[in-house]
Protein backbone atom coordinates (compact mmCIF):
# COMPACT_ATOMS: atom_id res chain seq x y z
CA MET A 1 5.10 -10.47 11.24
CA LYS A 2 7.95 -9.42 13.54
CA ASN A 3 10.04 -12.47 12.64
CA LEU A 4 9.49 -11.90 8.95
CA LEU A 5 10.66 -8.30 9.11
CA PHE A 6 13.50 -8.57 11.59
CA ARG A 7 15.03 -12.01 11.35
CA LYS A 8 18.48 -10.58 10.53
CA LYS A 9 20.40 -8.50 13.03
CA LYS A 10 21.49 -5.88 10.52
CA ILE A 11 18.68 -3.89 8.94
CA ASP A 12 19.34 -1.54 6.03
CA ILE A 13 16.61 1.07 5.78
CA ARG A 14 16.53 3.76 3.12
CA LEU A 15 14.04 6.59 3.16
CA ILE A 16 13.48 8.22 -0.18
CA ALA A 17 11.86 11.60 -0.74
CA SER A 18 10.57 11.88 -4.27
CA ASP A 19 7.54 12.86 -6.31
CA ILE A 20 5.90 9.47 -6.64
CA THR A 21 3.37 10.85 -9.12
CA SER A 22 6.09 11.74 -11.62
CA ARG A 23 6.29 9.54 -14.70
CA ASN A 24 10.07 9.75 -14.28
CA PHE A 25 9.91 8.26 -10.78
CA ILE A 26 12.48 5.48 -10.62
CA LEU A 27 13.00 3.19 -7.68
CA ASP A 28 15.40 0.30 -7.16
CA ASP A 29 14.31 -3.17 -6.14
CA MET A 30 13.27 -3.35 -2.51
CA GLU A 31 12.64 -6.00 0.13
CA PHE A 32 9.57 -4.24 1.55
CA LEU A 33 7.41 -1.27 0.60
CA ILE A 34 5.84 0.52 3.57
CA THR A 35 3.33 3.37 3.45
CA SER A 36 1.44 5.04 6.27
CA MET A 37 -1.28 7.40 5.12
CA THR A 38 0.80 8.22 2.05
CA LEU A 39 -1.49 6.98 -0.70
CA ILE A 40 -4.40 9.08 0.58
CA TYR A 41 -2.92 12.00 -1.34
CA LEU A 42 -3.10 10.20 -4.67
CA LYS A 43 -5.98 9.77 -7.05
CA ASP A 44 -7.09 6.26 -7.96
CA ASN A 45 -5.35 6.34 -11.34
CA GLU A 46 -2.11 7.58 -9.72
CA ILE A 47 -2.17 4.73 -7.20
CA ARG A 48 -2.77 2.22 -9.96
CA TYR A 49 0.10 3.59 -12.04
CA LEU A 50 2.49 3.66 -9.08
CA LEU A 51 1.63 0.18 -7.80
CA SER A 52 1.83 -1.30 -11.30
CA LYS A 53 5.41 0.01 -11.58
CA LEU A 54 6.35 -1.16 -8.08
CA LEU A 55 4.94 -4.72 -8.31
CA PRO A 56 8.02 -6.25 -9.99
CA LYS A 57 10.37 -4.37 -7.63
CA ILE A 58 8.95 -5.66 -4.32
CA LYS A 59 10.92 -8.76 -3.34
CA ARG A 60 9.36 -9.89 -0.03
CA GLY A 61 6.27 -7.89 0.81
CA PHE A 62 4.50 -4.67 1.62
CA ILE A 63 2.65 -2.94 4.42
CA PHE A 64 0.13 -0.22 3.60
CA GLN A 65 -1.61 1.68 6.38
CA GLU A 66 -4.31 3.51 4.49
CA PHE A 67 -7.97 4.43 4.46
CA MET A 68 -10.08 2.02 2.47
CA SER A 69 -13.67 1.24 1.67
CA ASP A 70 -15.55 -0.57 -1.06
CA LYS A 71 -18.62 1.63 -0.48
CA ILE A 72 -17.20 4.97 -1.64
CA LYS A 73 -18.58 6.20 -4.92
CA LYS A 74 -16.15 7.28 -7.61
CA ASN A 75 -14.99 10.88 -7.14
CA GLU A 76 -16.76 11.13 -3.77
CA THR A 77 -13.44 11.52 -1.99
CA TYR A 78 -9.81 11.45 -2.99
CA TYR A 79 -8.32 9.87 0.12
CA ILE A 80 -10.37 6.68 0.47
CA HIS A 81 -9.71 3.90 -2.00
CA ASP A 82 -10.94 0.38 -2.63
CA PHE A 83 -7.59 -1.37 -2.22
CA LYS A 84 -9.11 -4.84 -2.61
CA LYS A 85 -10.25 -3.90 -6.11
CA ILE A 86 -7.04 -2.04 -6.95
CA LEU A 87 -4.80 -4.92 -5.85
CA THR A 88 -7.03 -7.43 -7.66
CA ASP A 89 -6.98 -5.40 -10.87
CA LEU A 90 -3.17 -5.12 -10.69
CA ASN A 91 -2.73 -8.89 -10.07
CA TYR A 92 -1.10 -8.42 -6.66
CA TYR A 93 -3.00 -11.50 -5.42
CA ASN A 94 -1.07 -13.60 -7.96
CA ASN A 95 2.19 -12.61 -6.24
CA PHE A 96 1.32 -11.97 -2.59
CA LYS A 97 -0.73 -13.43 0.23
CA ILE A 98 -2.64 -10.33 1.35
CA THR A 99 -4.40 -9.73 4.66
CA TYR A 100 -6.43 -6.76 5.87
CA THR A 101 -6.45 -5.74 9.53
CA PRO A 102 -8.48 -2.81 10.87
CA ILE A 103 -6.50 -0.11 12.66
CA ASN A 104 -8.46 0.64 15.82
CA TYR A 105 -7.94 4.37 16.14
CA ASP A 106 -11.28 6.21 16.39
CA PRO A 107 -10.24 9.51 14.75
CA TRP A 108 -9.25 7.55 11.63
CA ASN A 109 -12.44 5.51 11.39
CA LYS A 110 -15.24 7.75 10.26
CA HIS A 111 -18.19 7.38 7.95
CA GLN A 112 -17.79 4.41 5.61
CA SER A 113 -14.00 4.40 5.58
CA LYS A 114 -11.76 2.37 7.81
CA ALA A 115 -8.08 2.79 8.51
CA THR A 116 -6.61 -0.56 7.54
CA GLN A 117 -3.25 -2.26 7.58
CA ILE A 118 -2.83 -4.12 4.34
CA PHE A 119 -0.06 -6.70 4.66
CA GLY A 120 1.26 -8.59 1.65
CA VAL A 121 3.85 -11.36 1.75
CA LYS A 122 5.38 -12.77 -1.42
CA SER A 123 3.79 -16.13 -2.18
């Protein structure tokens, strides 16, 4: 992963503060999309809307560090999502090779949820 992210010496990083739930949210094309416990604040339908709009803008890949579980019942919690289902439903697997790696940090791994790094590389 390091070589994929940092193969050039010059790295241009832009941090954008914006209301990502706004229907007027506009974002330029990007090489990578990176989140770290950002999507936990969104409802399932907000994540789906956001990721559907971002799919055509991501040029090389994404890294999500988020809570996920496929055992959480709908409306049981707002911060744990079934990203495998979400990314399948949004056809991300048609565009990216996606891997899931557990984040081994005990305070983040409680109950049925697991902190996970979701890494997608454009296929």
